Amino acid sequence: DVQLQASGGGLVQTGGSLRLSCAASGLTFDDYAIGWLRQVPGKEREVVSCISRSDNTKYYADSVKGRFTISDDNAKNTVYLQMNSLKPEDTAVYYCAVILSGRGSLWSPNTYDYWGQGTLVTVSS
């Protein structure tokens, strides 16, 4: 049974940093991709970043390039999202999710097969 546990959200001021963690169980880290997505109430979920386990390629949405860094720790089966220079527009519920099927674009939330619970990130101005 695949389970993802996201943590690390909180309240931070503009320009601050947070590190999100996603602990995965029930899957091997050779699975296709693990990503971070976010959702603001009333808006659709968007993919923020994704790491492909097959070739360790990392992907970032334009809105977070240069500020966010995705990484993983195979020994701990954990994926991290280091978020620096946070802006109020980064405020959202952040989710980690995994693609197992390999079908579809990693930029589409519908491609992700399993989701963790969200963790709220609030950036105050």
PDB file of N, CA and C in Angstrom:
ATOM      1  N   ASP A   1       0.853  -1.186   0.000  1.00  0.00           N
ATOM      2  CA  ASP A   1       0.000   0.000   0.000  1.00  0.00           C
ATOM      3  C   ASP A   1       0.892   1.240   0.000  1.00  0.00           C
ATOM      4  N   VAL A   2       0.728   2.072  -1.033  1.00  0.00           N
ATOM      5  CA  VAL A   2       1.545   3.269  -1.133  1.00  0.00           C
ATOM      6  C   VAL A   2       1.024   4.335  -0.186  1.00  0.00           C
ATOM      7  N   GLN A   3       1.918   4.892   0.587  1.00  0.00           N
ATOM      8  CA  GLN A   3       1.555   5.989   1.473  1.00  0.00           C
ATOM      9  C   GLN A   3       2.594   7.086   1.380  1.00  0.00           C
ATOM     10  N   LEU A   4       2.116   8.318   1.358  1.00  0.00           N
ATOM     11  CA  LEU A   4       2.976   9.492   1.314  1.00  0.00           C
ATOM     12  C   LEU A   4       2.592  10.404   2.465  1.00  0.00           C
ATOM     13  N   GLN A   5       3.588  10.852   3.202  1.00  0.00           N
ATOM     14  CA  GLN A   5       3.347  11.710   4.357  1.00  0.00           C
ATOM     15  C   GLN A   5       4.127  13.002   4.172  1.00  0.00           C
ATOM     16  N   ALA A   6       3.390  14.092   3.947  1.00  0.00           N
ATOM     17  CA  ALA A   6       4.020  15.393   3.755  1.00  0.00           C
ATOM     18  C   ALA A   6       4.054  16.158   5.071  1.00  0.00           C
ATOM     19  N   SER A   7       5.114  16.901   5.269  1.00  0.00           N
ATOM     20  CA  SER A   7       5.235  17.714   6.479  1.00  0.00           C
ATOM     21  C   SER A   7       6.151  18.900   6.205  1.00  0.00           C
ATOM     22  N   GLY A   8       6.185  19.828   7.143  1.00  0.00           N
ATOM     23  CA  GLY A   8       7.116  20.942   7.050  1.00  0.00           C
ATOM     24  C   GLY A   8       6.497  22.285   6.732  1.00  0.00           C
ATOM     25  N   GLY A   9       5.208  22.314   6.501  1.00  0.00           N
ATOM     26  CA  GLY A   9       4.569  23.588   6.222  1.00  0.00           C
ATOM     27  C   GLY A   9       4.524  24.478   7.447  1.00  0.00           C
ATOM     28  N   GLY A  10       4.144  25.719   7.234  1.00  0.00           N
ATOM     29  CA  GLY A  10       4.054  26.653   8.351  1.00  0.00           C
ATOM     30  C   GLY A  10       3.889  28.068   7.865  1.00  0.00           C
ATOM     31  N   LEU A  11       4.047  28.986   8.802  1.00  0.00           N
ATOM     32  CA  LEU A  11       3.929  30.410   8.511  1.00  0.00           C
ATOM     33  C   LEU A  11       5.318  31.025   8.442  1.00  0.00           C
ATOM     34  N   VAL A  12       5.568  31.760   7.384  1.00  0.00           N
ATOM     35  CA  VAL A  12       6.872  32.388   7.209  1.00  0.00           C
ATOM     36  C   VAL A  12       6.676  33.753   6.575  1.00  0.00           C
ATOM     37  N   GLN A  13       7.591  34.658   6.820  1.00  0.00           N
ATOM     38  CA  GLN A  13       7.505  35.990   6.227  1.00  0.00           C
ATOM     39  C   GLN A  13       8.060  35.974   4.802  1.00  0.00           C
ATOM     40  N   THR A  14       7.676  36.968   4.036  1.00  0.00           N
ATOM     41  CA  THR A  14       8.214  37.123   2.685  1.00  0.00           C
ATOM     42  C   THR A  14       9.734  37.122   2.730  1.00  0.00           C
ATOM     43  N   GLY A  15      10.322  36.350   1.822  1.00  0.00           N
ATOM     44  CA  GLY A  15      11.772  36.230   1.780  1.00  0.00           C
ATOM     45  C   GLY A  15      12.330  35.093   2.619  1.00  0.00           C
ATOM     46  N   GLY A  16      11.488  34.485   3.413  1.00  0.00           N
ATOM     47  CA  GLY A  16      11.925  33.400   4.278  1.00  0.00           C
ATOM     48  C   GLY A  16      12.017  32.072   3.550  1.00  0.00           C
ATOM     49  N   SER A  17      12.336  31.041   4.328  1.00  0.00           N
ATOM     50  CA  SER A  17      12.540  29.702   3.767  1.00  0.00           C
ATOM     51  C   SER A  17      11.783  28.663   4.573  1.00  0.00           C
ATOM     52  N   LEU A  18      11.425  27.592   3.887  1.00  0.00           N
ATOM     53  CA  LEU A  18      10.850  26.413   4.519  1.00  0.00           C
ATOM     54  C   LEU A  18      11.354  25.191   3.764  1.00  0.00           C
ATOM     55  N   ARG A  19      11.405  24.063   4.453  1.00  0.00           N
ATOM     56  CA  ARG A  19      11.721  22.808   3.777  1.00  0.00           C
ATOM     57  C   ARG A  19      10.594  21.817   4.029  1.00  0.00           C
ATOM     58  N   LEU A  20      10.005  21.377   2.955  1.00  0.00           N
ATOM     59  CA  LEU A  20       8.960  20.366   3.037  1.00  0.00           C
ATOM     60  C   LEU A  20       9.577  18.985   2.882  1.00  0.00           C
ATOM     61  N   SER A  21       8.986  18.023   3.576  1.00  0.00           N
ATOM     62  CA  SER A  21       9.445  16.635   3.475  1.00  0.00           C
ATOM     63  C   SER A  21       8.287  15.750   3.060  1.00  0.00           C
ATOM     64  N   CYS A  22       8.587  14.736   2.289  1.00  0.00           N
ATOM     65  CA  CYS A  22       7.585  13.755   1.877  1.00  0.00           C
ATOM     66  C   CYS A  22       8.170  12.369   2.120  1.00  0.00           C
ATOM     67  N   ALA A  23       7.682  11.707   3.142  1.00  0.00           N
ATOM     68  CA  ALA A  23       8.141  10.357   3.455  1.00  0.00           C
ATOM     69  C   ALA A  23       7.266   9.345   2.730  1.00  0.00           C
ATOM     70  N   ALA A  24       7.888   8.494   1.965  1.00  0.00           N
ATOM     71  CA  ALA A  24       7.153   7.523   1.153  1.00  0.00           C
ATOM     72  C   ALA A  24       7.335   6.118   1.694  1.00  0.00           C
ATOM     73  N   SER A  25       6.267   5.346   1.629  1.00  0.00           N
ATOM     74  CA  SER A  25       6.347   3.939   2.002  1.00  0.00           C
ATOM     75  C   SER A  25       5.513   3.128   1.027  1.00  0.00           C
ATOM     76  N   GLY A  26       5.846   1.858   0.915  1.00  0.00           N
ATOM     77  CA  GLY A  26       5.072   0.984   0.041  1.00  0.00           C
ATOM     78  C   GLY A  26       5.468   1.059  -1.418  1.00  0.00           C
ATOM     79  N   LEU A  27       6.554   1.753  -1.719  1.00  0.00           N
ATOM     80  CA  LEU A  27       7.038   1.770  -3.093  1.00  0.00           C
ATOM     81  C   LEU A  27       8.554   1.826  -3.084  1.00  0.00           C
ATOM     82  N   THR A  28       9.108   1.362  -4.166  1.00  0.00           N
ATOM     83  CA  THR A  28      10.557   1.460  -4.278  1.00  0.00           C
ATOM     84  C   THR A  28      10.895   2.808  -4.880  1.00  0.00           C
ATOM     85  N   PHE A  29      12.063   3.291  -4.608  1.00  0.00           N
ATOM     86  CA  PHE A  29      12.450   4.578  -5.148  1.00  0.00           C
ATOM     87  C   PHE A  29      12.929   4.485  -6.582  1.00  0.00           C
ATOM     88  N   ASP A  30      12.704   3.367  -7.225  1.00  0.00           N
ATOM     89  CA  ASP A  30      12.938   3.283  -8.660  1.00  0.00           C
ATOM     90  C   ASP A  30      11.682   3.621  -9.435  1.00  0.00           C
ATOM     91  N   ASP A  31      10.600   3.910  -8.704  1.00  0.00           N
ATOM     92  CA  ASP A  31       9.362   4.267  -9.383  1.00  0.00           C
ATOM     93  C   ASP A  31       9.535   5.561 -10.159  1.00  0.00           C
ATOM     94  N   TYR A  32       8.605   5.847 -10.990  1.00  0.00           N
ATOM     95  CA  TYR A  32       8.786   6.793 -12.078  1.00  0.00           C
ATOM     96  C   TYR A  32       9.144   8.198 -11.627  1.00  0.00           C
ATOM     97  N   ALA A  33       8.274   8.832 -10.869  1.00  0.00           N
ATOM     98  CA  ALA A  33       8.530  10.217 -10.491  1.00  0.00           C
ATOM     99  C   ALA A  33       7.776  10.576  -9.221  1.00  0.00           C
ATOM    100  N   ILE A  34       8.365  11.486  -8.481  1.00  0.00           N
ATOM    101  CA  ILE A  34       7.691  12.030  -7.300  1.00  0.00           C
ATOM    102  C   ILE A  34       7.688  13.538  -7.423  1.00  0.00           C
ATOM    103  N   GLY A  35       6.559  14.129  -7.161  1.00  0.00           N
ATOM    104  CA  GLY A  35       6.437  15.554  -7.346  1.00  0.00           C
ATOM    105  C   GLY A  35       5.815  16.279  -6.177  1.00  0.00           C
ATOM    106  N   TRP A  36       5.979  17.580  -6.211  1.00  0.00           N
ATOM    107  CA  TRP A  36       5.305  18.481  -5.277  1.00  0.00           C
ATOM    108  C   TRP A  36       4.322  19.320  -6.080  1.00  0.00           C
ATOM    109  N   LEU A  37       3.117  19.385  -5.591  1.00  0.00           N
ATOM    110  CA  LEU A  37       2.064  20.177  -6.217  1.00  0.00           C
ATOM    111  C   LEU A  37       1.473  21.090  -5.156  1.00  0.00           C
ATOM    112  N   ARG A  38       0.808  22.158  -5.593  1.00  0.00           N
ATOM    113  CA  ARG A  38       0.188  23.052  -4.636  1.00  0.00           C
ATOM    114  C   ARG A  38      -1.181  23.490  -5.130  1.00  0.00           C
ATOM    115  N   GLN A  39      -1.991  23.899  -4.185  1.00  0.00           N
ATOM    116  CA  GLN A  39      -3.343  24.328  -4.516  1.00  0.00           C
ATOM    117  C   GLN A  39      -3.773  25.473  -3.632  1.00  0.00           C
ATOM    118  N   VAL A  40      -4.266  26.509  -4.290  1.00  0.00           N
ATOM    119  CA  VAL A  40      -4.872  27.637  -3.605  1.00  0.00           C
ATOM    120  C   VAL A  40      -6.382  27.445  -3.680  1.00  0.00           C
ATOM    121  N   PRO A  41      -7.123  27.724  -2.605  1.00  0.00           N
ATOM    122  CA  PRO A  41      -8.572  27.553  -2.658  1.00  0.00           C
ATOM    123  C   PRO A  41      -9.184  28.263  -3.861  1.00  0.00           C
ATOM    124  N   GLY A  42     -10.030  27.528  -4.579  1.00  0.00           N
ATOM    125  CA  GLY A  42     -10.680  28.099  -5.739  1.00  0.00           C
ATOM    126  C   GLY A  42      -9.898  27.974  -7.022  1.00  0.00           C
ATOM    127  N   LYS A  43      -8.675  27.455  -6.919  1.00  0.00           N
ATOM    128  CA  LYS A  43      -7.856  27.274  -8.115  1.00  0.00           C
ATOM    129  C   LYS A  43      -7.482  25.810  -8.273  1.00  0.00           C
ATOM    130  N   GLU A  44      -7.054  25.458  -9.459  1.00  0.00           N
ATOM    131  CA  GLU A  44      -6.641  24.087  -9.707  1.00  0.00           C
ATOM    132  C   GLU A  44      -5.264  23.823  -9.115  1.00  0.00           C
ATOM    133  N   ARG A  45      -5.015  22.554  -8.831  1.00  0.00           N
ATOM    134  CA  ARG A  45      -3.686  22.179  -8.370  1.00  0.00           C
ATOM    135  C   ARG A  45      -2.685  22.392  -9.487  1.00  0.00           C
ATOM    136  N   GLU A  46      -1.494  22.817  -9.117  1.00  0.00           N
ATOM    137  CA  GLU A  46      -0.442  22.987 -10.105  1.00  0.00           C
ATOM    138  C   GLU A  46       0.810  22.255  -9.649  1.00  0.00           C
ATOM    139  N   VAL A  47       1.532  21.744 -10.615  1.00  0.00           N
ATOM    140  CA  VAL A  47       2.783  21.057 -10.319  1.00  0.00           C
ATOM    141  C   VAL A  47       3.864  22.102 -10.102  1.00  0.00           C
ATOM    142  N   VAL A  48       4.535  21.992  -8.988  1.00  0.00           N
ATOM    143  CA  VAL A  48       5.599  22.926  -8.636  1.00  0.00           C
ATOM    144  C   VAL A  48       6.953  22.369  -9.049  1.00  0.00           C
ATOM    145  N   SER A  49       7.173  21.109  -8.729  1.00  0.00           N
ATOM    146  CA  SER A  49       8.464  20.492  -9.006  1.00  0.00           C
ATOM    147  C   SER A  49       8.292  18.983  -9.037  1.00  0.00           C
ATOM    148  N   CYS A  50       9.195  18.334  -9.743  1.00  0.00           N
ATOM    149  CA  CYS A  50       9.107  16.879  -9.865  1.00  0.00           C
ATOM    150  C   CYS A  50      10.505  16.319 -10.076  1.00  0.00           C
ATOM    151  N   ILE A  51      10.741  15.142  -9.530  1.00  0.00           N
ATOM    152  CA  ILE A  51      12.014  14.479  -9.736  1.00  0.00           C
ATOM    153  C   ILE A  51      11.744  13.104 -10.325  1.00  0.00           C
ATOM    154  N   SER A  52      12.415  12.837 -11.424  1.00  0.00           N
ATOM    155  CA  SER A  52      12.267  11.544 -12.081  1.00  0.00           C
ATOM    156  C   SER A  52      13.265  10.573 -11.480  1.00  0.00           C
ATOM    157  N   ARG A  53      12.767   9.491 -10.940  1.00  0.00           N
ATOM    158  CA  ARG A  53      13.654   8.531 -10.321  1.00  0.00           C
ATOM    159  C   ARG A  53      14.401   7.689 -11.342  1.00  0.00           C
ATOM    160  N   SER A  54      13.919   7.627 -12.541  1.00  0.00           N
ATOM    161  CA  SER A  54      14.590   6.812 -13.557  1.00  0.00           C
ATOM    162  C   SER A  54      15.911   7.433 -13.982  1.00  0.00           C
ATOM    163  N   ASP A  55      15.974   8.758 -14.043  1.00  0.00           N
ATOM    164  CA  ASP A  55      17.220   9.394 -14.465  1.00  0.00           C
ATOM    165  C   ASP A  55      17.613  10.570 -13.582  1.00  0.00           C
ATOM    166  N   ASN A  56      16.893  10.746 -12.470  1.00  0.00           N
ATOM    167  CA  ASN A  56      17.178  11.803 -11.497  1.00  0.00           C
ATOM    168  C   ASN A  56      17.049  13.210 -12.086  1.00  0.00           C
ATOM    169  N   THR A  57      16.315  13.347 -13.166  1.00  0.00           N
ATOM    170  CA  THR A  57      16.075  14.678 -13.723  1.00  0.00           C
ATOM    171  C   THR A  57      15.110  15.429 -12.823  1.00  0.00           C
ATOM    172  N   LYS A  58      15.362  16.706 -12.664  1.00  0.00           N
ATOM    173  CA  LYS A  58      14.520  17.544 -11.821  1.00  0.00           C
ATOM    174  C   LYS A  58      13.809  18.590 -12.677  1.00  0.00           C
ATOM    175  N   TYR A  59      12.572  18.816 -12.362  1.00  0.00           N
ATOM    176  CA  TYR A  59      11.753  19.749 -13.124  1.00  0.00           C
ATOM    177  C   TYR A  59      11.185  20.799 -12.172  1.00  0.00           C
ATOM    178  N   TYR A  60      11.097  22.016 -12.686  1.00  0.00           N
ATOM    179  CA  TYR A  60      10.568  23.111 -11.880  1.00  0.00           C
ATOM    180  C   TYR A  60       9.614  23.952 -12.704  1.00  0.00           C
ATOM    181  N   ALA A  61       8.532  24.375 -12.077  1.00  0.00           N
ATOM    182  CA  ALA A  61       7.661  25.352 -12.711  1.00  0.00           C
ATOM    183  C   ALA A  61       8.407  26.674 -12.818  1.00  0.00           C
ATOM    184  N   ASP A  62       8.093  27.445 -13.844  1.00  0.00           N
ATOM    185  CA  ASP A  62       8.782  28.727 -14.041  1.00  0.00           C
ATOM    186  C   ASP A  62       8.648  29.629 -12.822  1.00  0.00           C
ATOM    187  N   SER A  63       7.532  29.539 -12.155  1.00  0.00           N
ATOM    188  CA  SER A  63       7.260  30.436 -11.024  1.00  0.00           C
ATOM    189  C   SER A  63       8.169  30.175  -9.826  1.00  0.00           C
ATOM    190  N   VAL A  64       8.834  29.025  -9.794  1.00  0.00           N
ATOM    191  CA  VAL A  64       9.669  28.698  -8.632  1.00  0.00           C
ATOM    192  C   VAL A  64      11.123  28.450  -8.998  1.00  0.00           C
ATOM    193  N   LYS A  65      11.444  28.489 -10.272  1.00  0.00           N
ATOM    194  CA  LYS A  65      12.829  28.248 -10.690  1.00  0.00           C
ATOM    195  C   LYS A  65      13.767  29.225 -10.017  1.00  0.00           C
ATOM    196  N   GLY A  66      14.866  28.691  -9.531  1.00  0.00           N
ATOM    197  CA  GLY A  66      15.854  29.526  -8.868  1.00  0.00           C
ATOM    198  C   GLY A  66      15.567  29.767  -7.396  1.00  0.00           C
ATOM    199  N   ARG A  67      14.378  29.408  -6.956  1.00  0.00           N
ATOM    200  CA  ARG A  67      14.014  29.609  -5.544  1.00  0.00           C
ATOM    201  C   ARG A  67      13.769  28.288  -4.821  1.00  0.00           C
ATOM    202  N   PHE A  68      13.222  27.316  -5.518  1.00  0.00           N
ATOM    203  CA  PHE A  68      12.901  26.018  -4.924  1.00  0.00           C
ATOM    204  C   PHE A  68      13.876  24.965  -5.435  1.00  0.00           C
ATOM    205  N   THR A  69      14.183  24.017  -4.569  1.00  0.00           N
ATOM    206  CA  THR A  69      15.055  22.904  -4.946  1.00  0.00           C
ATOM    207  C   THR A  69      14.456  21.598  -4.454  1.00  0.00           C
ATOM    208  N   ILE A  70      14.305  20.649  -5.366  1.00  0.00           N
ATOM    209  CA  ILE A  70      13.805  19.328  -5.000  1.00  0.00           C
ATOM    210  C   ILE A  70      14.988  18.376  -4.864  1.00  0.00           C
ATOM    211  N   SER A  71      14.909  17.518  -3.876  1.00  0.00           N
ATOM    212  CA  SER A  71      15.978  16.551  -3.668  1.00  0.00           C
ATOM    213  C   SER A  71      15.387  15.295  -3.033  1.00  0.00           C
ATOM    214  N   ASP A  72      16.179  14.241  -3.005  1.00  0.00           N
ATOM    215  CA  ASP A  72      15.685  13.027  -2.370  1.00  0.00           C
ATOM    216  C   ASP A  72      16.783  12.339  -1.584  1.00  0.00           C
ATOM    217  N   ASP A  73      16.371  11.564  -0.637  1.00  0.00           N
ATOM    218  CA  ASP A  73      17.267  10.772   0.194  1.00  0.00           C
ATOM    219  C   ASP A  73      16.787   9.331   0.078  1.00  0.00           C
ATOM    220  N   ASN A  74      17.452   8.562  -0.747  1.00  0.00           N
ATOM    221  CA  ASN A  74      17.009   7.185  -0.988  1.00  0.00           C
ATOM    222  C   ASN A  74      16.996   6.356   0.282  1.00  0.00           C
ATOM    223  N   ALA A  75      17.991   6.574   1.129  1.00  0.00           N
ATOM    224  CA  ALA A  75      18.092   5.780   2.357  1.00  0.00           C
ATOM    225  C   ALA A  75      16.882   5.994   3.263  1.00  0.00           C
ATOM    226  N   LYS A  76      16.339   7.198   3.210  1.00  0.00           N
ATOM    227  CA  LYS A  76      15.188   7.525   4.063  1.00  0.00           C
ATOM    228  C   LYS A  76      13.871   7.469   3.292  1.00  0.00           C
ATOM    229  N   ASN A  77      13.932   7.151   2.005  1.00  0.00           N
ATOM    230  CA  ASN A  77      12.718   7.158   1.171  1.00  0.00           C
ATOM    231  C   ASN A  77      11.954   8.460   1.332  1.00  0.00           C
ATOM    232  N   THR A  78      12.688   9.545   1.275  1.00  0.00           N
ATOM    233  CA  THR A  78      12.090  10.857   1.510  1.00  0.00           C
ATOM    234  C   THR A  78      12.490  11.819   0.408  1.00  0.00           C
ATOM    235  N   VAL A  79      11.536  12.623  -0.019  1.00  0.00           N
ATOM    236  CA  VAL A  79      11.785  13.692  -0.990  1.00  0.00           C
ATOM    237  C   VAL A  79      11.576  15.020  -0.296  1.00  0.00           C
ATOM    238  N   TYR A  80      12.444  15.960  -0.585  1.00  0.00           N
ATOM    239  CA  TYR A  80      12.378  17.274   0.049  1.00  0.00           C
ATOM    240  C   TYR A  80      12.094  18.361  -0.987  1.00  0.00           C
ATOM    241  N   LEU A  81      11.511  19.435  -0.508  1.00  0.00           N
ATOM    242  CA  LEU A  81      11.374  20.636  -1.321  1.00  0.00           C
ATOM    243  C   LEU A  81      11.876  21.798  -0.481  1.00  0.00           C
ATOM    244  N   GLN A  82      13.048  22.278  -0.811  1.00  0.00           N
ATOM    245  CA  GLN A  82      13.607  23.449  -0.141  1.00  0.00           C
ATOM    246  C   GLN A  82      13.066  24.687  -0.831  1.00  0.00           C
ATOM    247  N   MET A  83      12.400  25.522  -0.083  1.00  0.00           N
ATOM    248  CA  MET A  83      11.771  26.710  -0.651  1.00  0.00           C
ATOM    249  C   MET A  83      12.416  27.947  -0.048  1.00  0.00           C
ATOM    250  N   ASN A  84      13.084  28.711  -0.878  1.00  0.00           N
ATOM    251  CA  ASN A  84      13.757  29.937  -0.449  1.00  0.00           C
ATOM    252  C   ASN A  84      13.105  31.140  -1.104  1.00  0.00           C
ATOM    253  N   SER A  85      13.387  32.300  -0.578  1.00  0.00           N
ATOM    254  CA  SER A  85      12.864  33.564  -1.127  1.00  0.00           C
ATOM    255  C   SER A  85      11.362  33.476  -1.341  1.00  0.00           C
ATOM    256  N   LEU A  86      10.683  33.017  -0.331  1.00  0.00           N
ATOM    257  CA  LEU A  86       9.246  32.796  -0.460  1.00  0.00           C
ATOM    258  C   LEU A  86       8.490  34.103  -0.648  1.00  0.00           C
ATOM    259  N   LYS A  87       7.424  34.009  -1.433  1.00  0.00           N
ATOM    260  CA  LYS A  87       6.588  35.149  -1.755  1.00  0.00           C
ATOM    261  C   LYS A  87       5.154  34.876  -1.292  1.00  0.00           C
ATOM    262  N   PRO A  88       4.361  35.904  -1.059  1.00  0.00           N
ATOM    263  CA  PRO A  88       2.960  35.670  -0.673  1.00  0.00           C
ATOM    264  C   PRO A  88       2.215  34.782  -1.673  1.00  0.00           C
ATOM    265  N   GLU A  89       2.561  34.883  -2.938  1.00  0.00           N
ATOM    266  CA  GLU A  89       1.873  34.059  -3.939  1.00  0.00           C
ATOM    267  C   GLU A  89       2.252  32.580  -3.864  1.00  0.00           C
ATOM    268  N   ASP A  90       3.215  32.241  -3.027  1.00  0.00           N
ATOM    269  CA  ASP A  90       3.537  30.830  -2.797  1.00  0.00           C
ATOM    270  C   ASP A  90       2.607  30.210  -1.752  1.00  0.00           C
ATOM    271  N   THR A  91       1.807  31.028  -1.126  1.00  0.00           N
ATOM    272  CA  THR A  91       0.870  30.522  -0.125  1.00  0.00           C
ATOM    273  C   THR A  91      -0.091  29.522  -0.764  1.00  0.00           C
ATOM    274  N   ALA A  92      -0.144  28.328  -0.196  1.00  0.00           N
ATOM    275  CA  ALA A  92      -0.975  27.263  -0.752  1.00  0.00           C
ATOM    276  C   ALA A  92      -0.875  26.037   0.144  1.00  0.00           C
ATOM    277  N   VAL A  93      -1.712  25.074  -0.135  1.00  0.00           N
ATOM    278  CA  VAL A  93      -1.541  23.747   0.446  1.00  0.00           C
ATOM    279  C   VAL A  93      -0.651  22.961  -0.516  1.00  0.00           C
ATOM    280  N   TYR A  94       0.421  22.421   0.015  1.00  0.00           N
ATOM    281  CA  TYR A  94       1.377  21.678  -0.799  1.00  0.00           C
ATOM    282  C   TYR A  94       1.181  20.187  -0.587  1.00  0.00           C
ATOM    283  N   TYR A  95       1.200  19.467  -1.693  1.00  0.00           N
ATOM    284  CA  TYR A  95       1.021  18.013  -1.674  1.00  0.00           C
ATOM    285  C   TYR A  95       2.216  17.346  -2.338  1.00  0.00           C
ATOM    286  N   CYS A  96       2.604  16.191  -1.839  1.00  0.00           N
ATOM    287  CA  CYS A  96       3.514  15.355  -2.603  1.00  0.00           C
ATOM    288  C   CYS A  96       2.707  14.219  -3.225  1.00  0.00           C
ATOM    289  N   ALA A  97       3.147  13.783  -4.373  1.00  0.00           N
ATOM    290  CA  ALA A  97       2.415  12.763  -5.109  1.00  0.00           C
ATOM    291  C   ALA A  97       3.387  11.965  -5.968  1.00  0.00           C
ATOM    292  N   VAL A  98       2.988  10.762  -6.337  1.00  0.00           N
ATOM    293  CA  VAL A  98       3.869   9.887  -7.078  1.00  0.00           C
ATOM    294  C   VAL A  98       3.212   9.443  -8.373  1.00  0.00           C
ATOM    295  N   ILE A  99       4.006   9.372  -9.416  1.00  0.00           N
ATOM    296  CA  ILE A  99       3.572   8.818 -10.697  1.00  0.00           C
ATOM    297  C   ILE A  99       4.129   7.403 -10.787  1.00  0.00           C
ATOM    298  N   LEU A 100       3.265   6.423 -10.918  1.00  0.00           N
ATOM    299  CA  LEU A 100       3.705   5.040 -11.084  1.00  0.00           C
ATOM    300  C   LEU A 100       3.494   4.543 -12.510  1.00  0.00           C
ATOM    301  N   SER A 101       2.466   5.058 -13.144  1.00  0.00           N
ATOM    302  CA  SER A 101       2.091   4.509 -14.441  1.00  0.00           C
ATOM    303  C   SER A 101       3.004   4.983 -15.558  1.00  0.00           C
ATOM    304  N   GLY A 102       3.574   6.181 -15.393  1.00  0.00           N
ATOM    305  CA  GLY A 102       4.428   6.698 -16.447  1.00  0.00           C
ATOM    306  C   GLY A 102       3.680   7.197 -17.663  1.00  0.00           C
ATOM    307  N   ARG A 103       2.363   7.270 -17.569  1.00  0.00           N
ATOM    308  CA  ARG A 103       1.579   7.749 -18.701  1.00  0.00           C
ATOM    309  C   ARG A 103       1.074   9.150 -18.421  1.00  0.00           C
ATOM    310  N   GLY A 104       1.234  10.036 -19.362  1.00  0.00           N
ATOM    311  CA  GLY A 104       0.779  11.398 -19.187  1.00  0.00           C
ATOM    312  C   GLY A 104       1.922  12.323 -18.849  1.00  0.00           C
ATOM    313  N   SER A 105       1.614  13.594 -18.882  1.00  0.00           N
ATOM    314  CA  SER A 105       2.611  14.617 -18.602  1.00  0.00           C
ATOM    315  C   SER A 105       2.795  14.796 -17.097  1.00  0.00           C
ATOM    316  N   LEU A 106       4.027  14.930 -16.664  1.00  0.00           N
ATOM    317  CA  LEU A 106       4.274  15.184 -15.236  1.00  0.00           C
ATOM    318  C   LEU A 106       3.767  16.553 -14.819  1.00  0.00           C
ATOM    319  N   TRP A 107       3.453  17.402 -15.791  1.00  0.00           N
ATOM    320  CA  TRP A 107       2.919  18.722 -15.476  1.00  0.00           C
ATOM    321  C   TRP A 107       1.407  18.704 -15.260  1.00  0.00           C
ATOM    322  N   SER A 108       0.784  17.555 -15.459  1.00  0.00           N
ATOM    323  CA  SER A 108      -0.656  17.439 -15.230  1.00  0.00           C
ATOM    324  C   SER A 108      -0.918  16.740 -13.909  1.00  0.00           C
ATOM    325  N   PRO A 109      -1.637  17.387 -12.986  1.00  0.00           N
ATOM    326  CA  PRO A 109      -1.956  16.729 -11.717  1.00  0.00           C
ATOM    327  C   PRO A 109      -2.683  15.399 -11.905  1.00  0.00           C
ATOM    328  N   ASN A 110      -3.409  15.260 -12.991  1.00  0.00           N
ATOM    329  CA  ASN A 110      -4.163  14.025 -13.228  1.00  0.00           C
ATOM    330  C   ASN A 110      -3.253  12.830 -13.487  1.00  0.00           C
ATOM    331  N   THR A 111      -2.007  13.076 -13.791  1.00  0.00           N
ATOM    332  CA  THR A 111      -1.063  11.999 -14.065  1.00  0.00           C
ATOM    333  C   THR A 111      -0.614  11.289 -12.794  1.00  0.00           C
ATOM    334  N   TYR A 112      -0.722  11.951 -11.664  1.00  0.00           N
ATOM    335  CA  TYR A 112      -0.209  11.423 -10.408  1.00  0.00           C
ATOM    336  C   TYR A 112      -1.171  10.379  -9.837  1.00  0.00           C
ATOM    337  N   ASP A 113      -0.590   9.248  -9.393  1.00  0.00           N
ATOM    338  CA  ASP A 113      -1.400   8.112  -8.990  1.00  0.00           C
ATOM    339  C   ASP A 113      -1.733   8.084  -7.506  1.00  0.00           C
ATOM    340  N   TYR A 114      -0.810   8.499  -6.690  1.00  0.00           N
ATOM    341  CA  TYR A 114      -1.024   8.500  -5.246  1.00  0.00           C
ATOM    342  C   TYR A 114      -0.620   9.860  -4.685  1.00  0.00           C
ATOM    343  N   TRP A 115      -1.371  10.279  -3.671  1.00  0.00           N
ATOM    344  CA  TRP A 115      -1.163  11.592  -3.072  1.00  0.00           C
ATOM    345  C   TRP A 115      -1.007  11.468  -1.566  1.00  0.00           C
ATOM    346  N   GLY A 116      -0.172  12.341  -1.020  1.00  0.00           N
ATOM    347  CA  GLY A 116      -0.129  12.475   0.426  1.00  0.00           C
ATOM    348  C   GLY A 116      -1.143  13.514   0.860  1.00  0.00           C
ATOM    349  N   GLN A 117      -1.290  13.674   2.161  1.00  0.00           N
ATOM    350  CA  GLN A 117      -2.150  14.743   2.650  1.00  0.00           C
ATOM    351  C   GLN A 117      -1.394  16.053   2.472  1.00  0.00           C
ATOM    352  N   GLY A 118      -2.073  17.148   2.427  1.00  0.00           N
ATOM    353  CA  GLY A 118      -1.419  18.417   2.187  1.00  0.00           C
ATOM    354  C   GLY A 118      -0.791  18.989   3.434  1.00  0.00           C
ATOM    355  N   THR A 119       0.121  19.904   3.215  1.00  0.00           N
ATOM    356  CA  THR A 119       0.706  20.684   4.294  1.00  0.00           C
ATOM    357  C   THR A 119       0.626  22.151   3.896  1.00  0.00           C
ATOM    358  N   LEU A 120       0.132  22.980   4.808  1.00  0.00           N
ATOM    359  CA  LEU A 120      -0.158  24.368   4.477  1.00  0.00           C
ATOM    360  C   LEU A 120       1.085  25.234   4.623  1.00  0.00           C
ATOM    361  N   VAL A 121       1.350  25.999   3.584  1.00  0.00           N
ATOM    362  CA  VAL A 121       2.423  26.996   3.602  1.00  0.00           C
ATOM    363  C   VAL A 121       1.773  28.366   3.482  1.00  0.00           C
ATOM    364  N   THR A 122       2.053  29.226   4.447  1.00  0.00           N
ATOM    365  CA  THR A 122       1.514  30.574   4.442  1.00  0.00           C
ATOM    366  C   THR A 122       2.665  31.552   4.484  1.00  0.00           C
ATOM    367  N   VAL A 123       2.711  32.428   3.490  1.00  0.00           N
ATOM    368  CA  VAL A 123       3.768  33.436   3.415  1.00  0.00           C
ATOM    369  C   VAL A 123       3.134  34.797   3.640  1.00  0.00           C
ATOM    370  N   SER A 124       3.527  35.438   4.709  1.00  0.00           N
ATOM    371  CA  SER A 124       2.943  36.737   5.049  1.00  0.00           C
ATOM    372  C   SER A 124       3.746  37.852   4.391  1.00  0.00           C
ATOM    373  N   SER A 125       3.030  38.910   4.032  1.00  0.00           N
ATOM    374  CA  SER A 125       3.690  40.047   3.368  1.00  0.00           C
ATOM    375  C   SER A 125       4.141  41.074   4.378  1.00  0.00           C
TER     376      SER A 125
END
